Amino acid sequence: MHVRHRKGFYPLPPALMREIDELVENGEFLSRSEFIKEAVRFFFLHYESPEELWEKYKLLAKGRKIPSEEEIEKPLEEVDEEWKRSRSS
């Protein structure tokens, strides 16, 4: 799956996609897109600050197998940079 972005598409890390697919296969979500919509909704409901978000992430991550930072970081940095460029123009 790819995240649509103003300048194109960015692939989601394979480990993250496996986690999402597992949730869909277990019937916790109807589809990948439903999961993503719910994840974004959850994020906006709970977002307070970057520091607070990171602390919550660390607490939640202790009990779950999650993709490595390297697998997640690069696509997110690319999207972040593009977002910053689009906001400054």
N, C-alpha and C. Protein backbone atom coordinates (compact mmCIF):
# COMPACT_ATOMS: atom_id res chain seq x y z
N MET A 1 0.85 -1.17 0.00
CA MET A 1 0.00 0.00 0.00
C MET A 1 0.90 1.23 0.00
N HIS A 2 0.43 2.26 -0.65
CA HIS A 2 1.17 3.51 -0.74
C HIS A 2 0.32 4.64 -0.16
N VAL A 3 1.00 5.59 0.40
CA VAL A 3 0.33 6.78 0.91
C VAL A 3 0.36 7.81 -0.22
N ARG A 4 -0.80 8.29 -0.63
CA ARG A 4 -0.86 9.30 -1.69
C ARG A 4 -0.38 10.62 -1.13
N HIS A 5 0.41 11.25 -1.91
CA HIS A 5 1.04 12.48 -1.50
C HIS A 5 1.01 13.43 -2.68
N ARG A 6 1.06 14.70 -2.42
CA ARG A 6 0.98 15.70 -3.48
C ARG A 6 1.95 15.43 -4.63
N LYS A 7 3.12 14.98 -4.32
CA LYS A 7 4.15 14.75 -5.34
C LYS A 7 4.22 13.29 -5.80
N GLY A 8 3.33 12.44 -5.33
CA GLY A 8 3.37 11.05 -5.74
C GLY A 8 2.94 10.13 -4.62
N PHE A 9 3.45 8.91 -4.66
CA PHE A 9 3.10 7.90 -3.67
C PHE A 9 4.33 7.47 -2.90
N TYR A 10 4.15 7.20 -1.62
CA TYR A 10 5.23 6.69 -0.78
C TYR A 10 4.79 5.34 -0.22
N PRO A 11 5.63 4.31 -0.35
CA PRO A 11 5.24 3.00 0.17
C PRO A 11 5.28 2.99 1.70
N LEU A 12 4.32 2.28 2.28
CA LEU A 12 4.37 2.06 3.72
C LEU A 12 5.35 0.93 3.98
N PRO A 13 6.04 0.94 5.11
CA PRO A 13 7.00 -0.13 5.41
C PRO A 13 6.32 -1.50 5.42
N PRO A 14 6.98 -2.53 4.86
CA PRO A 14 6.39 -3.87 4.81
C PRO A 14 5.96 -4.40 6.18
N ALA A 15 6.76 -4.16 7.21
CA ALA A 15 6.40 -4.65 8.55
C ALA A 15 5.12 -4.00 9.04
N LEU A 16 4.93 -2.74 8.74
CA LEU A 16 3.71 -2.04 9.12
C LEU A 16 2.52 -2.61 8.36
N MET A 17 2.70 -2.88 7.07
CA MET A 17 1.61 -3.47 6.28
C MET A 17 1.24 -4.85 6.79
N ARG A 18 2.23 -5.64 7.21
CA ARG A 18 1.93 -6.97 7.77
C ARG A 18 1.08 -6.85 9.02
N GLU A 19 1.41 -5.88 9.87
CA GLU A 19 0.62 -5.65 11.09
C GLU A 19 -0.82 -5.27 10.74
N ILE A 20 -0.98 -4.37 9.78
CA ILE A 20 -2.32 -3.94 9.37
C ILE A 20 -3.07 -5.13 8.77
N ASP A 21 -2.42 -5.88 7.89
CA ASP A 21 -3.07 -7.04 7.27
C ASP A 21 -3.50 -8.07 8.30
N GLU A 22 -2.68 -8.27 9.32
CA GLU A 22 -3.03 -9.21 10.38
C GLU A 22 -4.31 -8.76 11.11
N LEU A 23 -4.42 -7.48 11.39
CA LEU A 23 -5.62 -6.95 12.04
C LEU A 23 -6.85 -7.13 11.15
N VAL A 24 -6.68 -6.92 9.85
CA VAL A 24 -7.79 -7.10 8.91
C VAL A 24 -8.18 -8.57 8.84
N GLU A 25 -7.19 -9.46 8.72
CA GLU A 25 -7.45 -10.90 8.65
C GLU A 25 -8.13 -11.42 9.91
N ASN A 26 -7.79 -10.84 11.06
CA ASN A 26 -8.41 -11.26 12.32
C ASN A 26 -9.79 -10.65 12.51
N GLY A 27 -10.24 -9.86 11.55
CA GLY A 27 -11.58 -9.30 11.60
C GLY A 27 -11.71 -8.05 12.46
N GLU A 28 -10.60 -7.48 12.88
CA GLU A 28 -10.67 -6.28 13.71
C GLU A 28 -11.00 -5.04 12.89
N PHE A 29 -10.71 -5.09 11.59
CA PHE A 29 -11.05 -4.02 10.65
C PHE A 29 -11.50 -4.67 9.36
N LEU A 30 -12.37 -3.99 8.61
CA LEU A 30 -12.88 -4.54 7.36
C LEU A 30 -11.87 -4.46 6.23
N SER A 31 -10.98 -3.47 6.28
CA SER A 31 -10.02 -3.27 5.20
C SER A 31 -8.85 -2.43 5.70
N ARG A 32 -7.82 -2.35 4.86
CA ARG A 32 -6.68 -1.49 5.18
C ARG A 32 -7.13 -0.04 5.30
N SER A 33 -7.97 0.39 4.37
CA SER A 33 -8.38 1.80 4.40
C SER A 33 -9.20 2.11 5.65
N GLU A 34 -10.01 1.15 6.12
CA GLU A 34 -10.75 1.39 7.35
C GLU A 34 -9.78 1.54 8.52
N PHE A 35 -8.75 0.69 8.56
CA PHE A 35 -7.75 0.80 9.61
C PHE A 35 -7.09 2.18 9.59
N ILE A 36 -6.68 2.62 8.40
CA ILE A 36 -5.98 3.91 8.29
C ILE A 36 -6.89 5.05 8.71
N LYS A 37 -8.16 5.02 8.30
CA LYS A 37 -9.10 6.07 8.72
C LYS A 37 -9.23 6.11 10.24
N GLU A 38 -9.36 4.92 10.85
CA GLU A 38 -9.49 4.86 12.30
C GLU A 38 -8.21 5.30 13.00
N ALA A 39 -7.06 4.94 12.44
CA ALA A 39 -5.78 5.35 13.03
C ALA A 39 -5.62 6.87 13.01
N VAL A 40 -6.00 7.48 11.91
CA VAL A 40 -5.90 8.94 11.81
C VAL A 40 -6.88 9.59 12.78
N ARG A 41 -8.10 9.06 12.84
CA ARG A 41 -9.10 9.59 13.77
C ARG A 41 -8.59 9.48 15.21
N PHE A 42 -8.05 8.32 15.56
CA PHE A 42 -7.51 8.10 16.90
C PHE A 42 -6.39 9.09 17.20
N PHE A 43 -5.51 9.28 16.22
CA PHE A 43 -4.40 10.22 16.39
C PHE A 43 -4.90 11.61 16.73
N PHE A 44 -5.85 12.11 15.95
CA PHE A 44 -6.34 13.47 16.19
C PHE A 44 -7.10 13.60 17.50
N LEU A 45 -7.75 12.53 17.94
CA LEU A 45 -8.45 12.58 19.22
C LEU A 45 -7.48 12.63 20.40
N HIS A 46 -6.30 12.04 20.24
CA HIS A 46 -5.37 11.91 21.35
C HIS A 46 -4.13 12.79 21.25
N TYR A 47 -3.99 13.53 20.17
CA TYR A 47 -2.79 14.34 19.98
C TYR A 47 -2.79 15.54 20.92
N GLU A 48 -1.69 15.70 21.65
CA GLU A 48 -1.52 16.85 22.54
C GLU A 48 -0.26 17.62 22.17
N SER A 49 0.84 16.91 22.08
CA SER A 49 2.11 17.52 21.69
C SER A 49 3.02 16.39 21.20
N PRO A 50 4.08 16.71 20.47
CA PRO A 50 4.99 15.65 20.03
C PRO A 50 5.58 14.86 21.20
N GLU A 51 5.91 15.56 22.28
CA GLU A 51 6.51 14.89 23.44
C GLU A 51 5.52 13.92 24.09
N GLU A 52 4.29 14.39 24.27
CA GLU A 52 3.25 13.56 24.88
C GLU A 52 2.95 12.35 23.99
N LEU A 53 2.89 12.58 22.70
CA LEU A 53 2.64 11.49 21.76
C LEU A 53 3.74 10.43 21.85
N TRP A 54 4.98 10.86 21.92
CA TRP A 54 6.11 9.94 22.01
C TRP A 54 6.04 9.13 23.30
N GLU A 55 5.71 9.76 24.41
CA GLU A 55 5.61 9.04 25.68
C GLU A 55 4.51 7.98 25.62
N LYS A 56 3.37 8.32 25.05
CA LYS A 56 2.28 7.34 24.91
C LYS A 56 2.71 6.20 24.01
N TYR A 57 3.40 6.53 22.92
CA TYR A 57 3.88 5.52 21.99
C TYR A 57 4.79 4.52 22.69
N LYS A 58 5.73 5.02 23.48
CA LYS A 58 6.67 4.14 24.18
C LYS A 58 5.94 3.21 25.14
N LEU A 59 4.95 3.75 25.85
CA LEU A 59 4.18 2.91 26.78
C LEU A 59 3.40 1.83 26.04
N LEU A 60 2.74 2.20 24.97
CA LEU A 60 1.95 1.24 24.21
C LEU A 60 2.83 0.22 23.49
N ALA A 61 4.00 0.63 23.05
CA ALA A 61 4.87 -0.24 22.27
C ALA A 61 5.48 -1.37 23.10
N LYS A 62 5.53 -1.21 24.40
CA LYS A 62 6.13 -2.24 25.25
C LYS A 62 5.43 -3.58 25.11
N GLY A 63 4.12 -3.55 24.94
CA GLY A 63 3.36 -4.80 24.89
C GLY A 63 3.11 -5.35 23.50
N ARG A 64 3.61 -4.69 22.45
CA ARG A 64 3.34 -5.11 21.08
C ARG A 64 4.61 -5.19 20.27
N LYS A 65 4.59 -6.08 19.28
CA LYS A 65 5.69 -6.12 18.31
C LYS A 65 5.38 -5.05 17.27
N ILE A 66 6.29 -4.12 17.12
CA ILE A 66 6.07 -3.02 16.18
C ILE A 66 7.22 -2.95 15.19
N PRO A 67 6.99 -2.34 14.03
CA PRO A 67 8.09 -2.19 13.06
C PRO A 67 9.22 -1.36 13.66
N SER A 68 10.42 -1.63 13.16
CA SER A 68 11.59 -0.89 13.65
C SER A 68 11.49 0.58 13.25
N GLU A 69 12.22 1.40 13.97
CA GLU A 69 12.25 2.83 13.68
C GLU A 69 12.71 3.08 12.24
N GLU A 70 13.70 2.31 11.79
CA GLU A 70 14.24 2.51 10.45
C GLU A 70 13.17 2.26 9.39
N GLU A 71 12.33 1.23 9.62
CA GLU A 71 11.28 0.91 8.65
C GLU A 71 10.22 2.01 8.57
N ILE A 72 10.01 2.69 9.64
CA ILE A 72 8.96 3.71 9.71
C ILE A 72 9.50 5.09 9.35
N GLU A 73 10.71 5.36 9.74
CA GLU A 73 11.25 6.72 9.69
C GLU A 73 11.38 7.33 8.30
N LYS A 74 11.97 6.62 7.34
CA LYS A 74 12.25 7.22 6.03
C LYS A 74 10.99 7.71 5.32
N PRO A 75 9.95 6.88 5.13
CA PRO A 75 8.75 7.40 4.46
C PRO A 75 8.11 8.57 5.20
N LEU A 76 8.14 8.52 6.52
CA LEU A 76 7.54 9.61 7.29
C LEU A 76 8.34 10.90 7.14
N GLU A 77 9.65 10.79 7.11
CA GLU A 77 10.48 11.98 6.91
C GLU A 77 10.22 12.60 5.54
N GLU A 78 10.09 11.74 4.51
CA GLU A 78 9.83 12.25 3.16
C GLU A 78 8.49 12.98 3.11
N VAL A 79 7.48 12.40 3.70
CA VAL A 79 6.16 13.02 3.72
C VAL A 79 6.22 14.33 4.50
N ASP A 80 6.92 14.31 5.62
CA ASP A 80 7.07 15.50 6.46
C ASP A 80 7.73 16.65 5.69
N GLU A 81 8.82 16.34 5.01
CA GLU A 81 9.54 17.36 4.25
C GLU A 81 8.67 17.94 3.15
N GLU A 82 7.96 17.08 2.45
CA GLU A 82 7.08 17.55 1.38
C GLU A 82 5.97 18.42 1.94
N TRP A 83 5.42 18.03 3.07
CA TRP A 83 4.37 18.82 3.71
C TRP A 83 4.91 20.21 4.08
N LYS A 84 6.10 20.25 4.65
CA LYS A 84 6.71 21.53 5.02
C LYS A 84 6.93 22.41 3.79
N ARG A 85 7.41 21.80 2.70
CA ARG A 85 7.62 22.57 1.46
C ARG A 85 6.30 23.11 0.93
N SER A 86 5.26 22.29 0.98
CA SER A 86 3.96 22.74 0.45
C SER A 86 3.37 23.85 1.30
N ARG A 87 3.63 23.84 2.59
CA ARG A 87 3.10 24.87 3.49
C ARG A 87 3.85 26.20 3.32
N SER A 88 5.10 26.13 2.90
CA SER A 88 5.89 27.36 2.78
C SER A 88 5.72 28.03 1.42
N SER A 89 5.08 27.34 0.47
CA SER A 89 4.91 27.98 -0.85
C SER A 89 3.61 28.73 -0.97
